[in-house]
Amino acid sequence: MLALVASACGSNRSDDDTSNASGSGSSSETTTAPATSTKFGDLESPCGKGDAKGATDKGVTDTDITIGYGDDAGYSASPGLSHETSDAMKAFIKWCNDQGGINGRQIVGKYYDAKITDVSNAATQACNDGVFMLVGQAWALDNAQEDIRLGCDLPSVPTYSVTADFAHAPLMYVSVPNPVDVISAEFAAGMAKLFPAKIKKASVVFGNFAATRDTKDKYEAAYSKFGFQFSCDQEYNILGEADWKPIAQKLKECGTQVVVYSGQAYPNGQNLLDAAAQVGFKAVWMWDANNYLDTFAKWNTNGNGDQNYFRTVYAPFEQADINPATQQYIDIVKTNGGDISQLGEQTASSFLLWATAVKACGSTVTRQCVLDELKNTHEWTGGGLHVETDPGANMPPTCGMILKMTGQKYEQAYPEKKGEFDCSPEYAVKISGPVVDAAKLDANRITTLHKKG
């Protein structure tokens, strides 16, 4: 059970993951049978036997529901990128199918590697394959799929959203929303309490592509409300820098004391940390949750990452002993031979969100029915994996925790008490300005940048 404290109140893959779809999964039970005793954390499992029948929509048959998923594992500059998300999808598809599927239909997963820059081709293939929905995909340049995805009316329940184009897209719901107009800023509030003087000399280091540029703009708009003062921002090449020392030297000359880093730790972030040590630049570093990785901690043999801080809305792996859902996620994925990460947990949460909506639709599973169920889901924790979110309203969490890297391990840095999260309504910060204007949101906060087919 998540405890909350209120402060103010690369592996081998086949194209189709069908090894778990053994038979029809049909039985004499009805689709309205009571839930079994199987649970994920505190969530009744949406999976189980039933008598669902009919080819009710694209990708749905009497026996199967075919979905698409994927990652950026084929990206040459960072091989295996986000592969933990697909490891989670494979494991949870098997976990669900072993219970009988959803209302008796087995889940068939088709894998698509977007390789960072190949998102449009991945989305095109998913459309051509006629999958029911995209579920748990983790494509960093997610706006590149939108014209294609919406052109074939393909709904999505992804691992995450990055760009405003996707975060506010039609036919899309996500377990932990990341909208452009309302920012979850507990990280800023917590760091302001830990380092009240240092945050007045902050810089953002970000990649030269839309996703990280948008993220930079959102950080600066929201974090300034908690006392952050930004200057001397530095942009890097997404493909890497031949020499990272000039960026580190510039930050040192500017007197930067807090670096907010947007991007992947491997290899770019790690190379920058090494360069900072070489030029004698010392600062506090703030990292997004996607970099809370065992591989990052294992890299820190020289202590160059000892001032790294990470935001999270999930119970840390180091606290699995007090949070059953976390331990269950670890067991399910590792038993299936996969690797774990916080993004993998987010994938699991999105899969469970999707599966819960599918179960509610009974035998007549259609894209529209699932979307309607998702729209009406306003309290979601992924069975206790993370703090409460509101997927239906596309609103971010108002709770968070800060972790610190020390040597080759992570420790809770804020709040002080193990397992507690810092919560306040003020952490949902509404922002405006160019980054929001560029999203061209309608009255329902849906982007009008891309049109449905």
Protein backbone atom coordinates (compact mmCIF):
# COMPACT_ATOMS: atom_id res chain seq x y z
CA MET A 1 0.00 0.00 0.00
CA LEU A 2 1.45 3.36 -0.99
CA ALA A 3 1.91 5.73 1.94
CA LEU A 4 1.24 9.41 1.29
CA VAL A 5 2.19 12.53 3.26
CA ALA A 6 0.50 15.85 2.53
CA SER A 7 2.88 18.78 2.73
CA ALA A 8 0.18 21.38 2.49
CA CYS A 9 -3.10 19.78 3.77
CA GLY A 10 18.46 -4.87 -25.61
CA SER A 11 17.11 -8.47 -26.09
CA ASN A 12 16.01 -10.68 -29.06
CA ARG A 13 12.43 -10.27 -30.18
CA SER A 14 10.09 -11.82 -32.68
CA ASP A 15 7.58 -9.68 -34.55
CA ASP A 16 4.58 -11.42 -33.00
CA ASP A 17 4.30 -12.32 -29.32
CA THR A 18 1.92 -15.24 -29.84
CA SER A 19 3.63 -17.90 -27.75
CA ASN A 20 1.12 -17.36 -24.95
CA ALA A 21 -2.02 -17.62 -27.06
CA SER A 22 -2.70 -21.30 -26.56
CA GLY A 23 -6.22 -22.12 -27.70
CA SER A 24 -9.36 -20.07 -27.53
CA GLY A 25 -9.53 -19.66 -23.78
CA SER A 26 -13.29 -20.26 -23.97
CA SER A 27 -15.19 -22.03 -21.25
CA SER A 28 -18.72 -22.44 -19.98
CA GLU A 29 -18.32 -19.39 -17.73
CA THR A 30 -20.09 -16.19 -18.71
CA THR A 31 -18.37 -12.86 -19.22
CA THR A 32 -20.25 -11.48 -16.23
CA ALA A 33 -18.92 -14.07 -13.82
CA PRO A 34 -17.59 -12.73 -10.51
CA ALA A 35 -13.91 -11.83 -10.42
CA THR A 36 -11.51 -14.59 -9.46
CA SER A 37 -9.21 -14.33 -6.48
CA THR A 38 -6.30 -13.36 -8.76
CA LYS A 39 -5.17 -9.81 -8.09
CA PHE A 40 -2.41 -7.45 -9.07
CA GLY A 41 -1.59 -5.49 -5.97
CA ASP A 42 -4.95 -4.22 -4.76
CA LEU A 43 -6.52 -4.46 -8.25
CA GLU A 44 -8.82 -7.36 -9.10
CA SER A 45 -7.33 -8.96 -12.17
CA PRO A 46 -9.09 -7.93 -15.39
CA CYS A 47 -8.03 -11.26 -16.89
CA GLY A 48 -9.84 -14.58 -16.75
CA LYS A 49 -11.95 -17.12 -18.54
CA GLY A 50 -15.24 -16.32 -20.26
CA ASP A 51 -17.42 -16.97 -23.28
CA ALA A 52 -16.74 -13.82 -25.32
CA LYS A 53 -17.46 -14.38 -28.99
CA GLY A 54 -17.54 -12.53 -32.26
CA ALA A 55 -15.33 -10.50 -34.57
CA THR A 56 -16.54 -7.32 -32.93
CA ASP A 57 -13.92 -4.90 -34.28
CA LYS A 58 -10.64 -4.74 -36.13
CA GLY A 59 -8.14 -7.03 -34.45
CA VAL A 60 -10.80 -8.95 -32.49
CA THR A 61 -11.93 -12.54 -33.20
CA ASP A 62 -13.81 -15.22 -31.28
CA THR A 63 -10.57 -16.30 -29.68
CA ASP A 64 -8.08 -13.40 -29.77
CA ILE A 65 -7.48 -9.68 -29.39
CA THR A 66 -4.40 -8.51 -31.31
CA ILE A 67 -2.61 -5.42 -30.02
CA GLY A 68 0.58 -3.60 -30.98
CA TYR A 69 3.40 -2.53 -28.69
CA GLY A 70 7.03 -1.50 -29.07
CA ASP A 71 10.06 0.52 -28.03
CA ASP A 72 13.17 2.22 -29.44
CA ALA A 73 15.52 -0.70 -28.82
CA GLY A 74 17.01 -0.59 -32.33
CA TYR A 75 18.35 2.95 -31.88
CA SER A 76 22.03 2.62 -32.79
CA ALA A 77 23.25 5.32 -30.39
CA SER A 78 21.63 3.57 -27.41
CA PRO A 79 21.01 -0.11 -28.22
CA GLY A 80 18.17 -1.64 -26.26
CA LEU A 81 16.59 1.74 -25.48
CA SER A 82 13.41 1.26 -23.42
CA HIS A 83 13.44 -2.50 -24.02
CA GLU A 84 12.18 -2.95 -20.45
CA THR A 85 8.79 -1.65 -21.59
CA SER A 86 8.44 -4.44 -24.14
CA ASP A 87 9.73 -6.93 -21.58
CA ALA A 88 6.83 -5.83 -19.37
CA MET A 89 4.32 -6.16 -22.21
CA LYS A 90 5.45 -9.71 -23.02
CA ALA A 91 5.33 -10.69 -19.36
CA PHE A 92 1.91 -9.20 -18.69
CA ILE A 93 0.42 -10.63 -21.87
CA LYS A 94 1.53 -14.05 -20.63
CA TRP A 95 0.28 -13.31 -17.10
CA CYS A 96 -3.11 -12.38 -18.52
CA ASN A 97 -3.31 -15.28 -20.98
CA ASP A 98 -2.37 -17.76 -18.28
CA GLN A 99 -5.54 -16.69 -16.48
CA GLY A 100 -7.65 -17.25 -19.58
CA GLY A 101 -7.17 -13.99 -21.47
CA ILE A 102 -9.80 -11.26 -21.12
CA ASN A 103 -13.32 -12.66 -20.96
CA GLY A 104 -11.85 -15.75 -22.61
CA ARG A 105 -10.09 -14.07 -25.54
CA GLN A 106 -6.33 -14.54 -25.60
CA ILE A 107 -4.12 -11.48 -26.13
CA VAL A 108 -1.75 -11.54 -29.11
CA GLY A 109 0.99 -8.90 -29.15
CA LYS A 110 2.78 -7.58 -32.23
CA TYR A 111 6.11 -5.86 -31.61
CA TYR A 112 7.28 -2.71 -33.46
CA ASP A 113 10.75 -1.17 -33.07
CA ALA A 114 10.62 2.59 -33.74
CA LYS A 115 14.40 3.01 -33.35
CA ILE A 116 13.82 6.64 -32.21
CA THR A 117 13.71 8.01 -35.78
CA ASP A 118 11.54 5.31 -37.40
CA VAL A 119 8.27 6.00 -35.58
CA SER A 120 6.26 6.68 -38.72
CA ASN A 121 7.18 3.30 -40.18
CA ALA A 122 6.30 1.53 -36.94
CA ALA A 123 2.92 3.24 -36.83
CA THR A 124 2.32 2.46 -40.52
CA GLN A 125 3.02 -1.21 -39.94
CA ALA A 126 0.65 -1.30 -36.97
CA CYS A 127 -2.09 0.26 -39.12
CA ASN A 128 -1.44 -2.18 -41.95
CA ASP A 129 -1.49 -5.12 -39.54
CA GLY A 130 -4.96 -4.11 -38.34
CA VAL A 131 -4.19 -4.29 -34.62
CA PHE A 132 -7.04 -3.50 -32.26
CA MET A 133 -5.09 -0.87 -30.34
CA LEU A 134 -1.54 0.16 -29.51
CA VAL A 135 -0.85 -0.68 -25.87
CA GLY A 136 2.26 0.06 -23.84
CA GLN A 137 4.38 1.35 -26.71
CA ALA A 138 7.32 3.54 -25.67
CA TRP A 139 8.31 5.70 -28.64
CA ALA A 140 10.23 8.80 -27.56
CA LEU A 141 9.44 10.84 -30.69
CA ASP A 142 5.76 10.12 -30.26
CA ASN A 143 4.47 13.06 -32.33
CA ALA A 144 5.89 11.41 -35.46
CA GLN A 145 3.20 8.74 -35.33
CA GLU A 146 0.20 11.00 -35.10
CA ASP A 147 -0.79 11.68 -38.72
CA ILE A 148 -0.49 7.96 -39.45
CA ARG A 149 -2.08 6.65 -36.25
CA LEU A 150 -5.03 9.01 -36.44
CA GLY A 151 -5.28 8.49 -40.18
CA CYS A 152 -6.20 4.84 -39.55
CA ASP A 153 -8.21 5.63 -36.38
CA LEU A 154 -5.88 3.55 -34.20
CA PRO A 155 -6.40 4.15 -30.45
CA SER A 156 -3.50 4.00 -28.02
CA VAL A 157 -2.83 3.38 -24.33
CA PRO A 158 0.94 3.96 -24.35
CA THR A 159 3.58 3.66 -21.68
CA TYR A 160 4.04 7.43 -21.71
CA SER A 161 3.48 10.60 -23.66
CA VAL A 162 6.21 13.14 -24.37
CA THR A 163 5.18 15.74 -26.94
CA ALA A 164 2.05 17.85 -26.66
CA ASP A 165 0.87 16.42 -30.00
CA PHE A 166 0.54 13.01 -28.35
CA ALA A 167 -0.13 13.99 -24.73
CA HIS A 168 -3.35 15.72 -25.82
CA ALA A 169 -4.16 13.50 -28.78
CA PRO A 170 -7.54 12.08 -29.72
CA LEU A 171 -7.96 8.32 -29.22
CA MET A 172 -5.28 8.26 -26.51
CA TYR A 173 -5.30 7.63 -22.75
CA VAL A 174 -2.27 6.88 -20.57
CA SER A 175 -1.90 5.56 -17.03
CA VAL A 176 0.28 8.47 -15.83
CA PRO A 177 -0.71 11.55 -17.85
CA ASN A 178 1.87 14.12 -18.87
CA PRO A 179 -0.14 17.03 -20.30
CA VAL A 180 1.49 20.20 -21.58
CA ASP A 181 -0.86 22.65 -19.85
CA VAL A 182 -0.72 21.20 -16.32
CA ILE A 183 2.64 20.08 -14.93
CA SER A 184 3.31 17.79 -11.98
CA ALA A 185 5.88 19.86 -10.09
CA GLU A 186 6.46 18.03 -6.81
CA PHE A 187 10.05 17.45 -7.95
CA ALA A 188 10.62 21.20 -8.06
CA ALA A 189 8.93 21.76 -4.70
CA GLY A 190 10.95 19.02 -3.03
CA MET A 191 14.26 20.14 -4.49
CA ALA A 192 13.48 23.71 -3.43
CA LYS A 193 13.22 22.45 0.14
CA LEU A 194 16.44 20.44 -0.14
CA PHE A 195 18.45 23.14 -1.95
CA PRO A 196 16.76 26.54 -1.45
CA ALA A 197 19.84 28.56 -2.45
CA LYS A 198 21.18 26.41 -5.28
CA ILE A 199 17.93 26.43 -7.31
CA LYS A 200 18.41 30.15 -7.94
CA LYS A 201 21.23 29.22 -10.33
CA ALA A 202 19.68 26.49 -12.47
CA SER A 203 20.22 25.44 -16.09
CA VAL A 204 18.43 22.97 -18.35
CA VAL A 205 20.47 20.65 -20.56
CA PHE A 206 18.32 19.25 -23.35
CA GLY A 207 18.52 17.45 -26.69
CA ASN A 208 18.06 19.11 -30.06
CA PHE A 209 14.68 17.59 -30.88
CA ALA A 210 11.06 18.52 -30.22
CA ALA A 211 10.40 16.24 -27.26
CA THR A 212 13.18 17.57 -25.05
CA ARG A 213 12.72 21.17 -26.21
CA ASP A 214 9.07 21.00 -25.14
CA THR A 215 10.08 19.39 -21.86
CA LYS A 216 12.59 22.18 -21.21
CA ASP A 217 9.93 24.84 -21.78
CA LYS A 218 7.50 23.06 -19.44
CA TYR A 219 10.11 22.73 -16.70
CA GLU A 220 11.03 26.38 -16.80
CA ALA A 221 7.40 27.52 -16.79
CA ALA A 222 6.41 25.31 -13.85
CA TYR A 223 9.56 25.16 -11.73
CA SER A 224 9.92 28.94 -11.59
CA LYS A 225 6.82 28.97 -9.37
CA PHE A 226 8.87 27.21 -6.69
CA GLY A 227 11.84 29.56 -6.79
CA PHE A 228 13.92 28.12 -9.62
CA GLN A 229 15.78 30.72 -11.67
CA PHE A 230 17.03 29.51 -15.05
CA SER A 231 19.85 30.78 -17.24
CA CYS A 232 22.65 29.39 -19.37
CA ASP A 233 20.59 26.50 -20.82
CA GLN A 234 22.60 24.13 -22.99
CA GLU A 235 21.45 22.13 -26.03
CA TYR A 236 23.17 18.91 -27.09
CA ASN A 237 23.02 16.73 -30.18
CA ILE A 238 20.68 13.79 -29.69
CA LEU A 239 23.23 11.62 -31.50
CA GLY A 240 25.87 12.65 -28.97
CA GLU A 241 28.71 15.14 -28.77
CA ALA A 242 32.25 14.43 -29.93
CA ASP A 243 33.41 16.26 -26.80
CA TRP A 244 31.10 17.05 -23.87
CA LYS A 245 33.61 19.18 -21.99
CA PRO A 246 32.61 22.47 -23.69
CA ILE A 247 29.05 22.11 -22.37
CA ALA A 248 30.30 21.24 -18.88
CA GLN A 249 32.79 24.12 -18.98
CA LYS A 250 30.09 26.57 -20.03
CA LEU A 251 27.86 25.49 -17.13
CA LYS A 252 30.80 25.94 -14.77
CA GLU A 253 31.55 29.42 -16.10
CA CYS A 254 27.87 30.39 -15.70
CA GLY A 255 27.96 29.40 -12.04
CA THR A 256 25.21 26.81 -12.48
CA GLN A 257 24.46 24.96 -9.25
CA VAL A 258 21.49 22.82 -10.35
CA VAL A 259 21.31 21.07 -13.72
CA VAL A 260 17.91 19.86 -14.93
CA TYR A 261 18.77 17.19 -17.51
CA SER A 262 16.27 16.20 -20.22
CA GLY A 263 17.09 13.04 -22.15
CA GLN A 264 18.61 9.60 -21.66
CA ALA A 265 21.36 8.83 -19.19
CA TYR A 266 23.07 6.40 -21.56
CA PRO A 267 25.23 7.41 -23.22
CA ASN A 268 24.76 11.19 -23.36
CA GLY A 269 24.01 11.92 -19.72
CA GLN A 270 26.80 9.69 -18.45
CA ASN A 271 29.27 11.25 -20.87
CA LEU A 272 28.30 14.71 -19.67
CA LEU A 273 28.75 13.72 -16.02
CA ASP A 274 32.22 12.37 -16.81
CA ALA A 275 33.06 15.59 -18.67
CA ALA A 276 31.83 17.65 -15.72
CA ALA A 277 34.23 15.79 -13.44
CA GLN A 278 37.08 16.35 -15.88
CA VAL A 279 36.60 20.14 -15.90
CA GLY A 280 35.87 20.37 -12.16
CA PHE A 281 32.20 21.31 -12.53
CA LYS A 282 30.18 20.33 -9.46
CA ALA A 283 26.42 20.68 -9.30
CA VAL A 284 23.20 19.02 -8.21
CA TRP A 285 21.65 17.08 -11.12
CA MET A 286 17.91 16.50 -11.59
CA TRP A 287 16.81 13.54 -13.72
CA ASP A 288 13.49 12.31 -15.04
CA ALA A 289 12.11 8.97 -13.92
CA ASN A 290 13.12 7.19 -17.14
CA ASN A 291 16.73 7.31 -15.93
CA TYR A 292 16.04 5.57 -12.64
CA LEU A 293 17.79 2.44 -13.89
CA ASP A 294 19.94 -0.24 -12.32
CA THR A 295 22.38 0.15 -15.22
CA PHE A 296 22.83 3.84 -14.39
CA ALA A 297 23.62 3.06 -10.75
CA LYS A 298 26.06 0.32 -11.75
CA TRP A 299 27.83 2.84 -13.99
CA ASN A 300 28.51 5.12 -11.01
CA THR A 301 31.70 3.41 -9.86
CA ASN A 302 33.67 6.68 -9.75
CA GLY A 303 31.11 8.75 -7.87
CA ASN A 304 30.45 11.13 -10.77
CA GLY A 305 26.73 10.56 -10.25
CA ASP A 306 26.63 10.98 -6.48
CA GLN A 307 24.70 14.25 -6.75
CA ASN A 308 22.01 12.81 -9.03
CA TYR A 309 18.37 13.19 -7.92
CA PHE A 310 15.38 11.52 -9.57
CA ARG A 311 11.67 12.22 -9.51
CA THR A 312 9.22 9.36 -9.14
CA VAL A 313 5.54 8.77 -8.52
CA TYR A 314 6.18 5.02 -8.11
CA ALA A 315 7.17 3.04 -5.06
CA PRO A 316 10.91 2.48 -5.59
CA PHE A 317 12.20 -1.02 -6.28
CA GLU A 318 14.26 -0.68 -3.10
CA GLN A 319 10.94 -0.55 -1.20
CA ALA A 320 9.30 -3.58 -2.81
CA ASP A 321 9.28 -5.20 0.62
CA ILE A 322 6.58 -2.74 1.75
CA ASN A 323 4.67 -2.40 -1.54
CA PRO A 324 3.17 -5.66 -2.85
CA ALA A 325 2.40 -4.38 -6.36
CA THR A 326 6.05 -3.46 -6.90
CA GLN A 327 7.23 -6.92 -5.87
CA GLN A 328 4.56 -8.53 -8.05
CA TYR A 329 5.69 -6.53 -11.08
CA ILE A 330 9.30 -7.60 -10.45
CA ASP A 331 8.30 -11.24 -10.12
CA ILE A 332 6.10 -11.29 -13.23
CA VAL A 333 8.73 -9.68 -15.47
CA LYS A 334 11.78 -11.52 -14.15
CA THR A 335 10.00 -14.88 -14.24
CA ASN A 336 9.44 -14.23 -17.93
CA GLY A 337 13.15 -13.48 -18.44
CA GLY A 338 12.77 -9.72 -18.76
CA ASP A 339 14.50 -6.67 -17.30
CA ILE A 340 12.77 -4.22 -14.98
CA SER A 341 12.67 -0.43 -14.92
CA GLN A 342 10.31 2.28 -13.82
CA LEU A 343 9.20 2.74 -17.42
CA GLY A 344 8.45 -0.97 -17.39
CA GLU A 345 6.21 -0.41 -14.37
CA GLN A 346 4.47 2.35 -16.28
CA THR A 347 3.94 -0.09 -19.14
CA ALA A 348 2.41 -2.57 -16.72
CA SER A 349 0.08 0.10 -15.38
CA SER A 350 -1.04 1.09 -18.88
CA PHE A 351 -1.59 -2.55 -19.84
CA LEU A 352 -3.72 -3.09 -16.73
CA LEU A 353 -5.63 0.13 -17.45
CA TRP A 354 -6.36 -1.08 -20.99
CA ALA A 355 -7.25 -4.61 -19.89
CA THR A 356 -9.62 -3.31 -17.21
CA ALA A 357 -11.45 -1.27 -19.84
CA VAL A 358 -11.60 -4.26 -22.22
CA LYS A 359 -13.01 -6.49 -19.50
CA ALA A 360 -15.74 -3.94 -18.77
CA CYS A 361 -16.84 -4.12 -22.41
CA GLY A 362 -17.67 -7.81 -22.06
CA SER A 363 -18.10 -9.86 -25.21
CA THR A 364 -18.78 -6.91 -27.51
CA VAL A 365 -15.30 -5.42 -27.45
CA THR A 366 -14.98 -2.38 -29.71
CA ARG A 367 -12.46 0.40 -29.86
CA GLN A 368 -15.13 2.93 -28.97
CA CYS A 369 -16.33 0.96 -25.96
CA VAL A 370 -12.78 0.73 -24.59
CA LEU A 371 -12.21 4.44 -25.19
CA ASP A 372 -15.45 5.26 -23.38
CA GLU A 373 -14.38 3.17 -20.39
CA LEU A 374 -10.97 4.88 -20.32
CA LYS A 375 -12.59 8.31 -20.50
CA ASN A 376 -14.58 7.48 -17.37
CA THR A 377 -11.55 6.27 -15.39
CA HIS A 378 -10.61 9.03 -12.96
CA GLU A 379 -8.86 7.16 -10.12
CA TRP A 380 -6.00 4.90 -11.09
CA THR A 381 -2.92 3.54 -9.29
CA GLY A 382 -2.07 0.47 -11.38
CA GLY A 383 -2.97 -1.74 -8.44
CA GLY A 384 -0.73 0.30 -6.15
CA LEU A 385 2.32 0.67 -8.40
CA HIS A 386 2.08 4.47 -8.27
CA VAL A 387 0.24 7.38 -6.72
CA GLU A 388 -3.27 8.17 -7.90
CA THR A 389 -3.70 9.65 -11.37
CA ASP A 390 -6.67 10.72 -13.49
CA PRO A 391 -6.33 9.17 -16.98
CA GLY A 392 -9.85 10.09 -18.04
CA ALA A 393 -9.30 13.80 -17.50
CA ASN A 394 -5.66 13.73 -18.65
CA MET A 395 -4.44 15.18 -15.36
CA PRO A 396 -1.03 14.45 -13.81
CA PRO A 397 -0.43 13.23 -10.25
CA THR A 398 -0.16 15.68 -7.38
CA CYS A 399 2.21 13.49 -5.35
CA GLY A 400 5.84 12.54 -5.72
CA MET A 401 9.02 11.26 -4.15
CA ILE A 402 12.68 12.14 -4.76
CA LEU A 403 15.42 9.52 -4.97
CA LYS A 404 19.17 10.07 -4.75
CA MET A 405 21.97 8.07 -6.32
CA THR A 406 24.77 7.32 -3.86
CA GLY A 407 27.47 5.07 -5.20
CA GLN A 408 25.73 2.18 -6.91
CA LYS A 409 22.41 2.40 -5.11
CA TYR A 410 19.33 4.60 -4.85
CA GLU A 411 17.99 6.02 -1.61
CA GLN A 412 14.88 8.01 -0.77
CA ALA A 413 15.89 11.63 -0.32
CA TYR A 414 12.51 13.31 0.17
CA PRO A 415 10.23 13.00 2.10
CA GLU A 416 12.34 11.66 4.93
CA LYS A 417 10.10 8.76 5.97
CA LYS A 418 10.52 5.58 3.92
CA GLY A 419 7.63 4.88 1.59
CA GLU A 420 5.92 8.25 1.96
CA PHE A 421 5.07 10.59 -0.91
CA ASP A 422 4.82 14.36 -0.77
CA CYS A 423 1.35 15.47 -1.90
CA SER A 424 -0.35 18.79 -2.46
CA PRO A 425 -2.88 20.18 -4.97
CA GLU A 426 -0.44 23.03 -5.62
CA TYR A 427 1.89 20.58 -7.35
CA ALA A 428 -0.47 20.48 -10.34
CA VAL A 429 0.78 23.70 -11.92
CA LYS A 430 -1.19 25.22 -14.77
CA ILE A 431 1.03 26.87 -17.33
CA SER A 432 0.54 28.98 -20.43
CA GLY A 433 2.70 30.50 -23.08
CA PRO A 434 4.31 29.39 -26.34
CA VAL A 435 4.66 25.69 -25.50
CA VAL A 436 0.93 25.46 -24.71
CA ASP A 437 -0.12 27.73 -27.57
CA ALA A 438 1.79 25.54 -30.02
CA ALA A 439 -0.34 22.54 -29.00
CA LYS A 440 -3.48 24.26 -30.38
CA LEU A 441 -5.80 22.75 -27.78
CA ASP A 442 -9.56 22.92 -28.17
CA ALA A 443 -12.08 23.52 -25.38
CA ASN A 444 -11.70 19.90 -24.27
CA ARG A 445 -7.88 20.15 -24.14
CA ILE A 446 -7.55 17.98 -27.26
CA THR A 447 -4.94 19.03 -29.78
CA THR A 448 -6.12 20.05 -33.24
CA LEU A 449 -2.68 19.62 -34.82
CA HIS A 450 -3.59 16.28 -36.37
CA LYS A 451 -6.86 15.07 -37.81
CA LYS A 452 -8.51 11.69 -37.46
CA GLY A 453 -9.12 9.59 -40.56
